[in-house]
Amino acid sequence: MRNFGKILKVLFGGMIVAGFLVPVLLLAQDNAERGICARLSILSSKIDERFTNFNSKLETRRNEIANRIETRQNEFDARLAEKRARWDANREEHFAKLEEKAQTDTQKQALLTFREAVTAAISARRAAIDTANQNFREGVQAAIASRKLAVDTATATLRNSIKAAFDKANADCQTGVDPKTIRENLRTDLKAARDKFGSDRQEIEKLKTSIETLINTRKEAIKKAIDDFKAAIEKAKTDFKAAFPTSSTPTPAE
């Protein structure tokens, strides 16, 4: 699947944006001197707005990537089906020419055996490749779902932690806690939320290795399918040449 790896790199390389966290801390620090209690509702509203924008952009990005993946897969399937149909037609032409040369019963039987062996080898190769591609696609979808859940969980945890920090600050304001203490506590709680999100993000980034494993597994499965196919065809050709010692034997495509 040409360029499919690029889509996965986009998907697993930059989906989480923590930029809205830095303004949160800066706003909390910058406005503390103007009266932290008077500014809490404004700061909280700005944070909610950032989360809303972030989630909206994230969902749009996810939909774009899902559509691109589906389009690439459909295009790949269509091209493969077209190539296989063309290879089948060419192979039938080769067999027709060989049938014209088969004179004796031995040669006719050898040709039949060769044809059956080639057909079986091609069917086995196609089935193995189709299975490898399907397993890869299912693995990718599972990895995407796992990452989506992890991202959503980390983001929700962050948002809840920030809300809890502001709720605590509001409560302290109502009970007359010193504004400086409220400000410092808020900064501490927001930093803890940011650090937790950073830790969650590092764990999420490790999910990229699952995609690399899927890619390597698919490559190995396809390589084995090709190697098995070549071995089967070589044996079929050797057996066939024994009956047609002076005839050239076609090398089947795919």
C-alpha atoms as a PDB file:
ATOM      1  CA  MET A   1       0.000   0.000   0.000  1.00  0.00           C
ATOM      2  CA  ARG A   2       2.027   2.905  -1.285  1.00  0.00           C
ATOM      3  CA  ASN A   3       2.034   5.999   0.964  1.00  0.00           C
ATOM      4  CA  PHE A   4      -0.067   4.178   3.575  1.00  0.00           C
ATOM      5  CA  GLY A   5       2.854   4.352   5.989  1.00  0.00           C
ATOM      6  CA  LYS A   6       2.867   8.136   5.674  1.00  0.00           C
ATOM      7  CA  ILE A   7      -0.744   8.289   6.790  1.00  0.00           C
ATOM      8  CA  LEU A   8       0.055   6.209   9.846  1.00  0.00           C
ATOM      9  CA  LYS A   9       2.988   8.472  10.709  1.00  0.00           C
ATOM     10  CA  VAL A  10       0.665  11.453  10.611  1.00  0.00           C
ATOM     11  CA  LEU A  11      -1.885   9.634  12.712  1.00  0.00           C
ATOM     12  CA  PHE A  12       0.559   8.399  15.331  1.00  0.00           C
ATOM     13  CA  GLY A  13       3.043  11.246  15.229  1.00  0.00           C
ATOM     14  CA  GLY A  14       1.254  14.457  16.129  1.00  0.00           C
ATOM     15  CA  MET A  15      -2.301  13.986  17.233  1.00  0.00           C
ATOM     16  CA  ILE A  16      -1.876  15.213  20.793  1.00  0.00           C
ATOM     17  CA  VAL A  17      -1.365  18.927  21.218  1.00  0.00           C
ATOM     18  CA  ALA A  18      -0.613  20.188  24.697  1.00  0.00           C
ATOM     19  CA  GLY A  19      -0.048  23.809  23.704  1.00  0.00           C
ATOM     20  CA  PHE A  20      -3.124  25.008  25.528  1.00  0.00           C
ATOM     21  CA  LEU A  21      -1.495  24.058  28.835  1.00  0.00           C
ATOM     22  CA  VAL A  22       1.236  26.682  28.740  1.00  0.00           C
ATOM     23  CA  PRO A  23      -1.209  29.616  28.385  1.00  0.00           C
ATOM     24  CA  VAL A  24      -3.146  28.193  31.321  1.00  0.00           C
ATOM     25  CA  LEU A  25      -0.149  28.498  33.591  1.00  0.00           C
ATOM     26  CA  LEU A  26       0.884  31.856  32.211  1.00  0.00           C
ATOM     27  CA  LEU A  27      -2.606  33.284  32.612  1.00  0.00           C
ATOM     28  CA  ALA A  28      -2.817  32.022  36.155  1.00  0.00           C
ATOM     29  CA  GLN A  29       0.495  33.660  37.000  1.00  0.00           C
ATOM     30  CA  ASP A  30      -0.019  36.868  35.039  1.00  0.00           C
ATOM     31  CA  ASN A  31      -3.438  37.670  36.453  1.00  0.00           C
ATOM     32  CA  ALA A  32      -2.729  36.635  40.025  1.00  0.00           C
ATOM     33  CA  GLU A  33      -1.559  40.098  40.913  1.00  0.00           C
ATOM     34  CA  ARG A  34      -4.804  41.631  39.600  1.00  0.00           C
ATOM     35  CA  GLY A  35      -6.886  39.557  41.999  1.00  0.00           C
ATOM     36  CA  ILE A  36      -6.976  35.849  41.420  1.00  0.00           C
ATOM     37  CA  CYS A  37     -10.503  35.382  42.769  1.00  0.00           C
ATOM     38  CA  ALA A  38     -11.914  37.998  40.400  1.00  0.00           C
ATOM     39  CA  ARG A  39     -10.245  36.329  37.442  1.00  0.00           C
ATOM     40  CA  LEU A  40     -11.059  32.667  38.091  1.00  0.00           C
ATOM     41  CA  SER A  41     -14.223  32.557  35.997  1.00  0.00           C
ATOM     42  CA  ILE A  42     -12.485  34.253  33.051  1.00  0.00           C
ATOM     43  CA  LEU A  43      -9.527  31.886  33.218  1.00  0.00           C
ATOM     44  CA  SER A  44     -11.788  28.860  33.504  1.00  0.00           C
ATOM     45  CA  SER A  45     -13.850  29.983  30.501  1.00  0.00           C
ATOM     46  CA  LYS A  46     -10.723  30.440  28.371  1.00  0.00           C
ATOM     47  CA  ILE A  47      -9.558  26.964  29.300  1.00  0.00           C
ATOM     48  CA  ASP A  48     -12.936  25.463  28.393  1.00  0.00           C
ATOM     49  CA  GLU A  49     -12.751  27.249  25.052  1.00  0.00           C
ATOM     50  CA  ARG A  50      -9.314  25.808  24.375  1.00  0.00           C
ATOM     51  CA  PHE A  51     -10.517  22.318  25.176  1.00  0.00           C
ATOM     52  CA  THR A  52     -13.532  22.724  22.900  1.00  0.00           C
ATOM     53  CA  ASN A  53     -11.360  23.918  20.020  1.00  0.00           C
ATOM     54  CA  PHE A  54      -8.849  21.144  20.629  1.00  0.00           C
ATOM     55  CA  ASN A  55     -11.486  18.402  20.620  1.00  0.00           C
ATOM     56  CA  SER A  56     -13.099  19.825  17.500  1.00  0.00           C
ATOM     57  CA  LYS A  57      -9.818  19.914  15.592  1.00  0.00           C
ATOM     58  CA  LEU A  58      -8.909  16.458  16.863  1.00  0.00           C
ATOM     59  CA  GLU A  59     -12.180  14.951  15.664  1.00  0.00           C
ATOM     60  CA  THR A  60     -11.822  16.620  12.273  1.00  0.00           C
ATOM     61  CA  ARG A  61      -8.294  15.261  11.942  1.00  0.00           C
ATOM     62  CA  ARG A  62      -9.409  11.782  12.881  1.00  0.00           C
ATOM     63  CA  ASN A  63     -12.177  11.805  10.297  1.00  0.00           C
ATOM     64  CA  GLU A  64      -9.820  13.063   7.595  1.00  0.00           C
ATOM     65  CA  ILE A  65      -7.317  10.308   8.297  1.00  0.00           C
ATOM     66  CA  ALA A  66      -9.995   7.605   8.484  1.00  0.00           C
ATOM     67  CA  ASN A  67     -11.314   8.707   5.084  1.00  0.00           C
ATOM     68  CA  ARG A  68      -7.816   8.752   3.597  1.00  0.00           C
ATOM     69  CA  ILE A  69      -7.089   5.260   4.888  1.00  0.00           C
ATOM     70  CA  GLU A  70     -10.345   3.905   3.475  1.00  0.00           C
ATOM     71  CA  THR A  71      -9.715   5.591   0.120  1.00  0.00           C
ATOM     72  CA  ARG A  72      -6.173   4.214  -0.129  1.00  0.00           C
ATOM     73  CA  GLN A  73      -7.335   0.723   0.759  1.00  0.00           C
ATOM     74  CA  ASN A  74     -10.112   0.808  -1.837  1.00  0.00           C
ATOM     75  CA  GLU A  75      -7.691   2.072  -4.479  1.00  0.00           C
ATOM     76  CA  PHE A  76      -5.202  -0.649  -3.566  1.00  0.00           C
ATOM     77  CA  ASP A  77      -7.866  -3.360  -3.791  1.00  0.00           C
ATOM     78  CA  ALA A  78      -9.054  -2.094  -7.174  1.00  0.00           C
ATOM     79  CA  ARG A  79      -5.524  -2.012  -8.619  1.00  0.00           C
ATOM     80  CA  LEU A  80      -4.742  -5.480  -7.295  1.00  0.00           C
ATOM     81  CA  ALA A  81      -7.948  -6.940  -8.712  1.00  0.00           C
ATOM     82  CA  GLU A  82      -7.185  -5.374 -12.091  1.00  0.00           C
ATOM     83  CA  LYS A  83      -3.644  -6.744 -12.130  1.00  0.00           C
ATOM     84  CA  ARG A  84      -4.765 -10.206 -11.138  1.00  0.00           C
ATOM     85  CA  ALA A  85      -7.384 -10.255 -13.909  1.00  0.00           C
ATOM     86  CA  ARG A  86      -4.724  -9.232 -16.435  1.00  0.00           C
ATOM     87  CA  TRP A  87      -2.293 -11.861 -15.157  1.00  0.00           C
ATOM     88  CA  ASP A  88      -4.994 -14.536 -15.367  1.00  0.00           C
ATOM     89  CA  ALA A  89      -5.731 -13.615 -18.982  1.00  0.00           C
ATOM     90  CA  ASN A  90      -2.048 -13.718 -19.961  1.00  0.00           C
ATOM     91  CA  ARG A  91      -1.583 -17.042 -18.240  1.00  0.00           C
ATOM     92  CA  GLU A  92      -4.502 -18.560 -20.148  1.00  0.00           C
ATOM     93  CA  GLU A  93      -2.861 -17.476 -23.393  1.00  0.00           C
ATOM     94  CA  HIS A  94       0.341 -19.280 -22.399  1.00  0.00           C
ATOM     95  CA  PHE A  95      -1.532 -22.437 -21.515  1.00  0.00           C
ATOM     96  CA  ALA A  96      -3.425 -22.304 -24.822  1.00  0.00           C
ATOM     97  CA  LYS A  97      -0.145 -22.166 -26.746  1.00  0.00           C
ATOM     98  CA  LEU A  98       1.228 -25.091 -24.749  1.00  0.00           C
ATOM     99  CA  GLU A  99      -1.898 -27.117 -25.442  1.00  0.00           C
ATOM    100  CA  GLU A 100      -1.256 -26.718 -29.144  1.00  0.00           C
ATOM    101  CA  LYS A 101       2.152 -28.312 -28.678  1.00  0.00           C
ATOM    102  CA  ALA A 102       0.932 -31.238 -26.582  1.00  0.00           C
ATOM    103  CA  GLN A 103       0.810 -34.236 -28.934  1.00  0.00           C
ATOM    104  CA  THR A 104       1.051 -37.364 -26.840  1.00  0.00           C
ATOM    105  CA  ASP A 105      -1.068 -38.466 -23.917  1.00  0.00           C
ATOM    106  CA  THR A 106       2.004 -38.119 -21.716  1.00  0.00           C
ATOM    107  CA  GLN A 107       2.484 -34.526 -22.774  1.00  0.00           C
ATOM    108  CA  LYS A 108      -1.186 -33.725 -22.335  1.00  0.00           C
ATOM    109  CA  GLN A 109      -1.152 -35.210 -18.851  1.00  0.00           C
ATOM    110  CA  ALA A 110       2.057 -33.332 -18.014  1.00  0.00           C
ATOM    111  CA  LEU A 111       0.471 -30.086 -19.160  1.00  0.00           C
ATOM    112  CA  LEU A 112      -2.637 -30.762 -17.085  1.00  0.00           C
ATOM    113  CA  THR A 113      -0.509 -31.512 -14.031  1.00  0.00           C
ATOM    114  CA  PHE A 114       1.557 -28.373 -14.632  1.00  0.00           C
ATOM    115  CA  ARG A 115      -1.533 -26.250 -15.010  1.00  0.00           C
ATOM    116  CA  GLU A 116      -3.051 -27.579 -11.800  1.00  0.00           C
ATOM    117  CA  ALA A 117       0.199 -27.034  -9.917  1.00  0.00           C
ATOM    118  CA  VAL A 118       0.508 -23.453 -11.170  1.00  0.00           C
ATOM    119  CA  THR A 119      -3.120 -22.686 -10.359  1.00  0.00           C
ATOM    120  CA  ALA A 120      -2.730 -24.097  -6.858  1.00  0.00           C
ATOM    121  CA  ALA A 121       0.480 -22.132  -6.267  1.00  0.00           C
ATOM    122  CA  ILE A 122      -1.122 -18.881  -7.392  1.00  0.00           C
ATOM    123  CA  SER A 123      -4.212 -19.485  -5.285  1.00  0.00           C
ATOM    124  CA  ALA A 124      -2.068 -20.212  -2.229  1.00  0.00           C
ATOM    125  CA  ARG A 125       0.015 -17.085  -2.800  1.00  0.00           C
ATOM    126  CA  ARG A 126      -3.006 -14.858  -3.273  1.00  0.00           C
ATOM    127  CA  ALA A 127      -4.725 -16.275  -0.197  1.00  0.00           C
ATOM    128  CA  ALA A 128      -1.598 -15.726   1.910  1.00  0.00           C
ATOM    129  CA  ILE A 129      -1.172 -12.156   0.676  1.00  0.00           C
ATOM    130  CA  ASP A 130      -4.854 -11.364   1.164  1.00  0.00           C
ATOM    131  CA  THR A 131      -4.678 -12.734   4.709  1.00  0.00           C
ATOM    132  CA  ALA A 132      -1.549 -10.687   5.451  1.00  0.00           C
ATOM    133  CA  ASN A 133      -3.208  -7.527   4.160  1.00  0.00           C
ATOM    134  CA  GLN A 134      -6.423  -8.192   6.088  1.00  0.00           C
ATOM    135  CA  ASN A 135      -4.543  -8.915   9.327  1.00  0.00           C
ATOM    136  CA  PHE A 136      -2.569  -5.718   8.839  1.00  0.00           C
ATOM    137  CA  ARG A 137      -5.701  -3.650   8.314  1.00  0.00           C
ATOM    138  CA  GLU A 138      -7.430  -5.134  11.321  1.00  0.00           C
ATOM    139  CA  GLY A 139      -4.317  -4.555  13.421  1.00  0.00           C
ATOM    140  CA  VAL A 140      -4.121  -0.938  12.299  1.00  0.00           C
ATOM    141  CA  GLN A 141      -7.771  -0.341  13.144  1.00  0.00           C
ATOM    142  CA  ALA A 142      -7.260  -1.895  16.574  1.00  0.00           C
ATOM    143  CA  ALA A 143      -4.192   0.282  17.163  1.00  0.00           C
ATOM    144  CA  ILE A 144      -6.078   3.397  16.078  1.00  0.00           C
ATOM    145  CA  ALA A 145      -8.951   2.551  18.413  1.00  0.00           C
ATOM    146  CA  SER A 146      -6.521   1.932  21.268  1.00  0.00           C
ATOM    147  CA  ARG A 147      -4.772   5.238  20.677  1.00  0.00           C
ATOM    148  CA  LYS A 148      -8.069   7.093  20.384  1.00  0.00           C
ATOM    149  CA  LEU A 149      -9.195   5.707  23.728  1.00  0.00           C
ATOM    150  CA  ALA A 150      -5.869   6.580  25.329  1.00  0.00           C
ATOM    151  CA  VAL A 151      -5.924  10.126  23.951  1.00  0.00           C
ATOM    152  CA  ASP A 152      -9.522  10.700  25.002  1.00  0.00           C
ATOM    153  CA  THR A 153      -8.843   9.318  28.471  1.00  0.00           C
ATOM    154  CA  ALA A 154      -5.722  11.460  28.930  1.00  0.00           C
ATOM    155  CA  THR A 155      -7.525  14.566  27.713  1.00  0.00           C
ATOM    156  CA  ALA A 156     -10.542  13.926  29.936  1.00  0.00           C
ATOM    157  CA  THR A 157      -8.256  13.365  32.925  1.00  0.00           C
ATOM    158  CA  LEU A 158      -6.483  16.629  32.199  1.00  0.00           C
ATOM    159  CA  ARG A 159      -9.716  18.555  31.852  1.00  0.00           C
ATOM    160  CA  ASN A 160     -11.136  17.090  35.067  1.00  0.00           C
ATOM    161  CA  SER A 161      -7.939  17.861  36.948  1.00  0.00           C
ATOM    162  CA  ILE A 162      -7.967  21.465  35.767  1.00  0.00           C
ATOM    163  CA  LYS A 163     -11.635  21.819  36.668  1.00  0.00           C
ATOM    164  CA  ALA A 164     -10.942  20.399  40.118  1.00  0.00           C
ATOM    165  CA  ALA A 165      -8.105  22.909  40.565  1.00  0.00           C
ATOM    166  CA  PHE A 166     -10.379  25.829  39.725  1.00  0.00           C
ATOM    167  CA  ASP A 167     -13.207  24.467  41.861  1.00  0.00           C
ATOM    168  CA  LYS A 168     -10.807  24.303  44.789  1.00  0.00           C
ATOM    169  CA  ALA A 169      -9.591  27.828  44.107  1.00  0.00           C
ATOM    170  CA  ASN A 170     -13.196  29.085  43.973  1.00  0.00           C
ATOM    171  CA  ALA A 171     -13.991  27.358  47.236  1.00  0.00           C
ATOM    172  CA  ASP A 172     -10.934  28.913  48.869  1.00  0.00           C
ATOM    173  CA  CYS A 173     -11.979  32.310  47.619  1.00  0.00           C
ATOM    174  CA  GLN A 174     -15.394  31.826  49.235  1.00  0.00           C
ATOM    175  CA  THR A 175     -13.838  30.914  52.585  1.00  0.00           C
ATOM    176  CA  GLY A 176     -11.427  33.840  52.622  1.00  0.00           C
ATOM    177  CA  VAL A 177      -8.142  32.040  52.017  1.00  0.00           C
ATOM    178  CA  ASP A 178      -5.236  34.387  51.303  1.00  0.00           C
ATOM    179  CA  PRO A 179      -5.161  35.214  47.538  1.00  0.00           C
ATOM    180  CA  LYS A 180      -1.445  34.516  47.350  1.00  0.00           C
ATOM    181  CA  THR A 181      -2.017  31.040  48.776  1.00  0.00           C
ATOM    182  CA  ILE A 182      -4.885  30.471  46.331  1.00  0.00           C
ATOM    183  CA  ARG A 183      -2.696  31.536  43.440  1.00  0.00           C
ATOM    184  CA  GLU A 184       0.190  29.276  44.463  1.00  0.00           C
ATOM    185  CA  ASN A 185      -2.098  26.318  45.059  1.00  0.00           C
ATOM    186  CA  LEU A 186      -3.723  26.831  41.673  1.00  0.00           C
ATOM    187  CA  ARG A 187      -0.371  26.991  39.936  1.00  0.00           C
ATOM    188  CA  THR A 188       0.749  23.841  41.740  1.00  0.00           C
ATOM    189  CA  ASP A 189      -2.426  21.950  40.827  1.00  0.00           C
ATOM    190  CA  LEU A 190      -2.243  23.065  37.194  1.00  0.00           C
ATOM    191  CA  LYS A 191       1.386  22.018  36.966  1.00  0.00           C
ATOM    192  CA  ALA A 192       0.514  18.607  38.409  1.00  0.00           C
ATOM    193  CA  ALA A 193      -2.225  18.249  35.784  1.00  0.00           C
ATOM    194  CA  ARG A 194       0.204  19.203  33.042  1.00  0.00           C
ATOM    195  CA  ASP A 195       2.863  16.787  34.290  1.00  0.00           C
ATOM    196  CA  LYS A 196       0.333  13.959  34.464  1.00  0.00           C
ATOM    197  CA  PHE A 197      -0.777  14.705  30.920  1.00  0.00           C
ATOM    198  CA  GLY A 198       2.852  14.708  29.781  1.00  0.00           C
ATOM    199  CA  SER A 199       3.359  11.301  31.358  1.00  0.00           C
ATOM    200  CA  ASP A 200       0.200   9.969  29.717  1.00  0.00           C
ATOM    201  CA  ARG A 201       1.358  11.354  26.390  1.00  0.00           C
ATOM    202  CA  GLN A 202       4.665   9.497  26.623  1.00  0.00           C
ATOM    203  CA  GLU A 203       2.800   6.251  27.199  1.00  0.00           C
ATOM    204  CA  ILE A 204       0.556   6.949  24.222  1.00  0.00           C
ATOM    205  CA  GLU A 205       3.545   7.555  21.959  1.00  0.00           C
ATOM    206  CA  LYS A 206       4.712   4.023  22.709  1.00  0.00           C
ATOM    207  CA  LEU A 207       1.722   2.755  20.729  1.00  0.00           C
ATOM    208  CA  LYS A 208       3.641   3.638  17.566  1.00  0.00           C
ATOM    209  CA  THR A 209       5.704   0.493  18.058  1.00  0.00           C
ATOM    210  CA  SER A 210       2.572  -1.614  17.522  1.00  0.00           C
ATOM    211  CA  ILE A 211       2.243  -0.175  14.010  1.00  0.00           C
ATOM    212  CA  GLU A 212       5.883  -0.941  13.237  1.00  0.00           C
ATOM    213  CA  THR A 213       5.310  -4.525  14.392  1.00  0.00           C
ATOM    214  CA  LEU A 214       2.269  -4.829  12.117  1.00  0.00           C
ATOM    215  CA  ILE A 215       4.244  -3.530   9.141  1.00  0.00           C
ATOM    216  CA  ASN A 216       7.090  -5.983   9.746  1.00  0.00           C
ATOM    217  CA  THR A 217       4.699  -8.894  10.270  1.00  0.00           C
ATOM    218  CA  ARG A 218       2.960  -8.115   6.987  1.00  0.00           C
ATOM    219  CA  LYS A 219       6.280  -7.896   5.130  1.00  0.00           C
ATOM    220  CA  GLU A 220       7.418 -11.238   6.505  1.00  0.00           C
ATOM    221  CA  ALA A 221       4.120 -12.923   5.608  1.00  0.00           C
ATOM    222  CA  ILE A 222       4.229 -11.599   2.051  1.00  0.00           C
ATOM    223  CA  LYS A 223       7.881 -12.597   1.646  1.00  0.00           C
ATOM    224  CA  LYS A 224       7.053 -16.141   2.774  1.00  0.00           C
ATOM    225  CA  ALA A 225       4.129 -16.271   0.351  1.00  0.00           C
ATOM    226  CA  ILE A 226       6.412 -15.227  -2.495  1.00  0.00           C
ATOM    227  CA  ASP A 227       9.149 -17.682  -1.523  1.00  0.00           C
ATOM    228  CA  ASP A 228       6.662 -20.562  -1.238  1.00  0.00           C
ATOM    229  CA  PHE A 229       5.185 -19.595  -4.599  1.00  0.00           C
ATOM    230  CA  LYS A 230       8.583 -19.551  -6.317  1.00  0.00           C
ATOM    231  CA  ALA A 231       9.484 -22.950  -4.884  1.00  0.00           C
ATOM    232  CA  ALA A 232       6.186 -24.467  -6.030  1.00  0.00           C
ATOM    233  CA  ILE A 233       6.536 -23.009  -9.527  1.00  0.00           C
ATOM    234  CA  GLU A 234      10.119 -24.215  -9.909  1.00  0.00           C
ATOM    235  CA  LYS A 235       9.063 -27.749  -9.016  1.00  0.00           C
ATOM    236  CA  ALA A 236       6.134 -27.586 -11.434  1.00  0.00           C
ATOM    237  CA  LYS A 237       8.405 -26.329 -14.212  1.00  0.00           C
ATOM    238  CA  THR A 238      10.963 -29.058 -13.573  1.00  0.00           C
ATOM    239  CA  ASP A 239       8.315 -31.764 -13.775  1.00  0.00           C
ATOM    240  CA  PHE A 240       6.828 -30.197 -16.889  1.00  0.00           C
ATOM    241  CA  LYS A 241      10.138 -29.946 -18.746  1.00  0.00           C
ATOM    242  CA  ALA A 242      10.635 -33.669 -18.364  1.00  0.00           C
ATOM    243  CA  ALA A 243       7.674 -34.177 -20.708  1.00  0.00           C
ATOM    244  CA  PHE A 244       8.462 -31.159 -22.931  1.00  0.00           C
ATOM    245  CA  PRO A 245      12.266 -31.143 -23.032  1.00  0.00           C
ATOM    246  CA  THR A 246      12.471 -28.722 -25.966  1.00  0.00           C
ATOM    247  CA  SER A 247       9.622 -26.383 -25.023  1.00  0.00           C
ATOM    248  CA  SER A 248       9.948 -23.165 -23.091  1.00  0.00           C
ATOM    249  CA  THR A 249       7.894 -23.104 -19.919  1.00  0.00           C
ATOM    250  CA  PRO A 250       6.029 -19.916 -18.985  1.00  0.00           C
ATOM    251  CA  THR A 251       6.763 -18.307 -15.663  1.00  0.00           C
ATOM    252  CA  PRO A 252       3.346 -17.421 -14.229  1.00  0.00           C
ATOM    253  CA  ALA A 253       2.869 -13.912 -12.957  1.00  0.00           C
ATOM    254  CA  GLU A 254       1.781 -13.344  -9.363  1.00  0.00           C
END
